Amino acid sequence: MRHSHYMPLITAVLLLGACGDKPDASTGGDARESATSTTADATAATVAAAQTVAPPDDGAMVIHVAAGGQHPDRFCMPQWGIANRTGRDVGALLVHLEWRDRNGQVLKPAGEFGTMVEPFAAGSDKDLSMDGHAVACRDLRVVVTTYACRDANAVRVACPGPLRAVASGGIEIDLGGAAEGTMKGAVEG
């Protein structure tokens, strides 16, 4: 995954830490050291939360999700993507997935055309992080319904491996109903 999108998050944490309680002259150095320690702890926690778990290298297509930028109870901008660990190039992978809260309310529907990853070369890992949701990361669920593959000529082909999931930071991925299906815009072979 690209790490350049972590810098604004880390900068924001540092600025928020710097804007915290300022020690006055009467409190001495201990309060300043405490504020510096708190800022460093917050930065370390943010960096740790932004890191994703490496997708397994087991011959699968892997959807991976981790908690990213967040306010513990009100906002989550997950870091997520899809990796091709099948060892075979795929012209494109289409995945119908939606983001829900723990109660099943749809926060972002799959959409008619789903999420397209192309080209989807062996060993690639596509970073799809973009949207934030007005819930805590621990309350996010990704539900996958169908997925399909096509070759470079837009002919639908069987996917070269199973679909798997890796999630951390409290986010869940539900592949229970996921099934290989058709793909709009592809010629059925």
Protein backbone atom coordinates (compact mmCIF):
# COMPACT_ATOMS: atom_id res chain seq x y z
CA MET A 1 0.00 0.00 0.00
CA ARG A 2 1.12 3.54 -0.55
CA HIS A 3 2.09 5.32 2.63
CA SER A 4 1.98 8.93 1.37
CA HIS A 5 -1.64 9.33 2.48
CA TYR A 6 -0.59 8.75 6.12
CA MET A 7 1.33 12.04 6.31
CA PRO A 8 -1.74 14.34 6.56
CA LEU A 9 -3.10 12.08 9.31
CA ILE A 10 0.16 12.10 11.27
CA THR A 11 0.49 15.88 10.80
CA ALA A 12 -3.04 16.40 12.11
CA VAL A 13 -2.31 14.32 15.21
CA LEU A 14 0.87 16.26 15.87
CA LEU A 15 -0.95 19.58 15.50
CA LEU A 16 -3.78 18.46 17.75
CA GLY A 17 -1.26 17.32 20.35
CA ALA A 18 0.55 20.63 20.13
CA CYS A 19 -2.72 22.52 20.61
CA GLY A 20 -3.50 20.66 23.84
CA ASP A 21 -3.09 22.03 27.34
CA LYS A 22 -0.11 24.35 27.41
CA PRO A 23 1.89 24.44 30.61
CA ASP A 24 2.23 27.85 32.15
CA ALA A 25 5.47 29.11 33.66
CA SER A 26 4.41 28.03 37.16
CA THR A 27 4.14 24.31 36.29
CA GLY A 28 7.77 23.78 35.30
CA GLY A 29 9.30 21.19 33.00
CA ASP A 30 7.28 18.13 34.10
CA ALA A 31 4.10 19.35 32.39
CA ARG A 32 6.01 20.11 29.18
CA GLU A 33 7.56 16.63 29.21
CA SER A 34 4.10 15.13 29.78
CA ALA A 35 2.64 17.06 26.82
CA THR A 36 5.52 15.93 24.59
CA SER A 37 5.08 12.32 25.72
CA THR A 38 1.32 12.48 25.05
CA THR A 39 1.92 13.81 21.53
CA ALA A 40 4.47 11.07 20.82
CA ASP A 41 2.08 8.40 22.15
CA ALA A 42 -0.76 9.73 19.99
CA THR A 43 1.48 9.76 16.91
CA ALA A 44 2.64 6.19 17.53
CA ALA A 45 -0.96 5.04 18.01
CA THR A 46 -2.04 6.72 14.78
CA VAL A 47 0.77 5.18 12.77
CA ALA A 48 0.02 1.74 14.24
CA ALA A 49 -3.69 2.11 13.42
CA ALA A 50 -2.92 3.12 9.83
CA GLN A 51 -0.80 0.06 9.10
CA THR A 52 -2.54 -2.88 7.46
CA VAL A 53 -2.04 -6.55 7.95
CA ALA A 54 -0.13 -8.02 5.00
CA PRO A 55 -2.40 -10.17 2.82
CA PRO A 56 -1.57 -13.86 2.94
CA ASP A 57 0.35 -15.31 0.01
CA ASP A 58 -1.85 -18.37 -0.44
CA GLY A 59 -2.96 -18.30 -4.07
CA ALA A 60 -6.03 -16.18 -3.42
CA MET A 61 -7.45 -12.78 -4.27
CA VAL A 62 -7.44 -10.97 -0.93
CA ILE A 63 -9.59 -8.07 0.25
CA HIS A 64 -7.73 -6.43 3.13
CA VAL A 65 -9.09 -3.79 5.48
CA ALA A 66 -7.62 -1.98 8.49
CA ALA A 67 -8.70 0.93 10.64
CA GLY A 68 -7.11 4.11 9.31
CA GLY A 69 -7.84 7.72 10.19
CA GLN A 70 -10.48 7.79 12.86
CA HIS A 71 -12.18 9.42 15.78
CA PRO A 72 -12.73 6.51 18.20
CA ASP A 73 -16.52 6.82 18.38
CA ARG A 74 -17.63 8.91 15.43
CA PHE A 75 -15.57 8.53 12.27
CA CYS A 76 -13.50 5.97 10.36
CA MET A 77 -11.54 6.28 7.15
CA PRO A 78 -10.49 2.67 6.56
CA GLN A 79 -7.37 1.68 4.67
CA TRP A 80 -8.38 -1.05 2.27
CA GLY A 81 -7.49 -2.71 -0.97
CA ILE A 82 -7.41 -5.91 -3.00
CA ALA A 83 -4.32 -8.03 -3.66
CA ASN A 84 -3.75 -10.67 -6.35
CA ARG A 85 -1.88 -13.54 -4.71
CA THR A 86 -2.95 -16.13 -7.28
CA GLY A 87 0.28 -16.10 -9.27
CA ARG A 88 -1.71 -15.40 -12.47
CA ASP A 89 -2.49 -12.13 -14.23
CA VAL A 90 -6.16 -11.23 -14.47
CA GLY A 91 -7.44 -8.66 -16.97
CA ALA A 92 -9.87 -7.30 -14.38
CA LEU A 93 -11.57 -8.24 -11.14
CA LEU A 94 -15.05 -6.94 -10.37
CA VAL A 95 -16.26 -7.09 -6.76
CA HIS A 96 -19.70 -6.09 -5.52
CA LEU A 97 -19.18 -5.00 -1.94
CA GLU A 98 -20.95 -2.60 0.32
CA TRP A 99 -20.05 -0.88 3.57
CA ARG A 100 -22.50 -1.33 6.44
CA ASP A 101 -22.65 -0.56 10.13
CA ARG A 102 -23.07 -3.33 12.73
CA ASN A 103 -26.87 -2.95 12.56
CA GLY A 104 -26.88 -3.70 8.83
CA GLN A 105 -27.56 -0.13 7.68
CA VAL A 106 -25.89 0.44 4.32
CA LEU A 107 -23.38 3.30 4.52
CA LYS A 108 -22.12 2.91 0.94
CA PRO A 109 -23.94 0.58 -1.47
CA ALA A 110 -22.10 -1.64 -3.95
CA GLY A 111 -23.42 0.23 -6.97
CA GLU A 112 -24.55 -1.27 -10.24
CA PHE A 113 -21.05 -1.82 -11.61
CA GLY A 114 -19.32 -2.67 -8.33
CA THR A 115 -15.62 -2.03 -7.72
CA MET A 116 -13.40 -2.76 -10.72
CA VAL A 117 -9.70 -3.52 -10.31
CA GLU A 118 -7.85 -3.51 -13.63
CA PRO A 119 -5.34 -4.56 -14.66
CA PHE A 120 -5.02 -7.06 -11.85
CA ALA A 121 -1.55 -8.50 -12.38
CA ALA A 122 -0.13 -11.28 -10.25
CA GLY A 123 1.44 -9.81 -7.13
CA SER A 124 -0.35 -6.48 -7.41
CA ASP A 125 -2.00 -4.82 -4.43
CA LYS A 126 -4.48 -2.08 -5.33
CA ASP A 127 -5.04 0.59 -2.68
CA LEU A 128 -8.71 1.60 -2.77
CA SER A 129 -8.79 3.78 0.36
CA MET A 130 -10.88 6.88 -0.21
CA ASP A 131 -14.12 7.18 1.72
CA GLY A 132 -14.77 7.87 5.36
CA HIS A 133 -17.85 6.78 7.29
CA ALA A 134 -19.62 8.43 10.23
CA VAL A 135 -19.21 5.41 12.54
CA ALA A 136 -16.42 4.00 14.65
CA CYS A 137 -14.07 1.62 12.79
CA ARG A 138 -15.12 -1.20 15.13
CA ASP A 139 -18.69 -0.76 13.81
CA LEU A 140 -17.83 -1.13 10.09
CA ARG A 141 -18.65 -4.24 8.09
CA VAL A 142 -17.77 -4.94 4.48
CA VAL A 143 -20.23 -7.33 2.83
CA VAL A 144 -19.22 -8.99 -0.44
CA THR A 145 -21.96 -10.48 -2.62
CA THR A 146 -20.51 -11.34 -6.04
CA TYR A 147 -17.19 -11.17 -7.82
CA ALA A 148 -16.04 -11.99 -11.35
CA CYS A 149 -12.93 -11.95 -13.52
CA ARG A 150 -12.27 -11.19 -17.17
CA ASP A 151 -9.25 -11.51 -19.40
CA ALA A 152 -7.45 -8.69 -21.22
CA ASN A 153 -9.95 -8.98 -24.11
CA ALA A 154 -12.97 -8.42 -21.81
CA VAL A 155 -14.04 -12.06 -21.98
CA ARG A 156 -15.37 -13.35 -18.69
CA VAL A 157 -13.20 -16.16 -17.29
CA ALA A 158 -13.18 -18.18 -14.10
CA CYS A 159 -11.22 -16.39 -11.39
CA PRO A 160 -7.81 -18.03 -10.84
CA GLY A 161 -8.21 -18.39 -7.09
CA PRO A 162 -10.64 -18.02 -4.20
CA LEU A 163 -11.60 -14.72 -2.60
CA ARG A 164 -10.27 -14.29 0.95
CA ALA A 165 -10.33 -11.54 3.55
CA VAL A 166 -7.94 -10.05 6.09
CA ALA A 167 -9.28 -7.44 8.50
CA SER A 168 -7.91 -5.60 11.51
CA GLY A 169 -8.82 -2.68 13.74
CA GLY A 170 -12.26 -4.07 14.52
CA ILE A 171 -13.59 -3.88 10.95
CA GLU A 172 -15.30 -7.06 9.74
CA ILE A 173 -15.48 -8.54 6.25
CA ASP A 174 -18.39 -10.87 5.46
CA LEU A 175 -17.67 -13.27 2.59
CA GLY A 176 -20.42 -15.68 3.67
CA GLY A 177 -22.64 -14.84 0.68
CA ALA A 178 -19.85 -14.13 -1.80
CA ALA A 179 -20.13 -16.10 -5.03
CA GLU A 180 -18.47 -15.90 -8.42
CA GLY A 181 -20.95 -14.46 -10.88
CA THR A 182 -21.35 -12.50 -14.10
CA MET A 183 -19.66 -9.23 -15.00
CA LYS A 184 -21.38 -6.36 -16.82
CA GLY A 185 -19.38 -5.23 -19.80
CA ALA A 186 -17.70 -8.60 -20.27
CA VAL A 187 -18.44 -11.15 -22.96
CA GLU A 188 -19.52 -14.38 -21.34
CA GLY A 189 -17.10 -17.06 -22.61
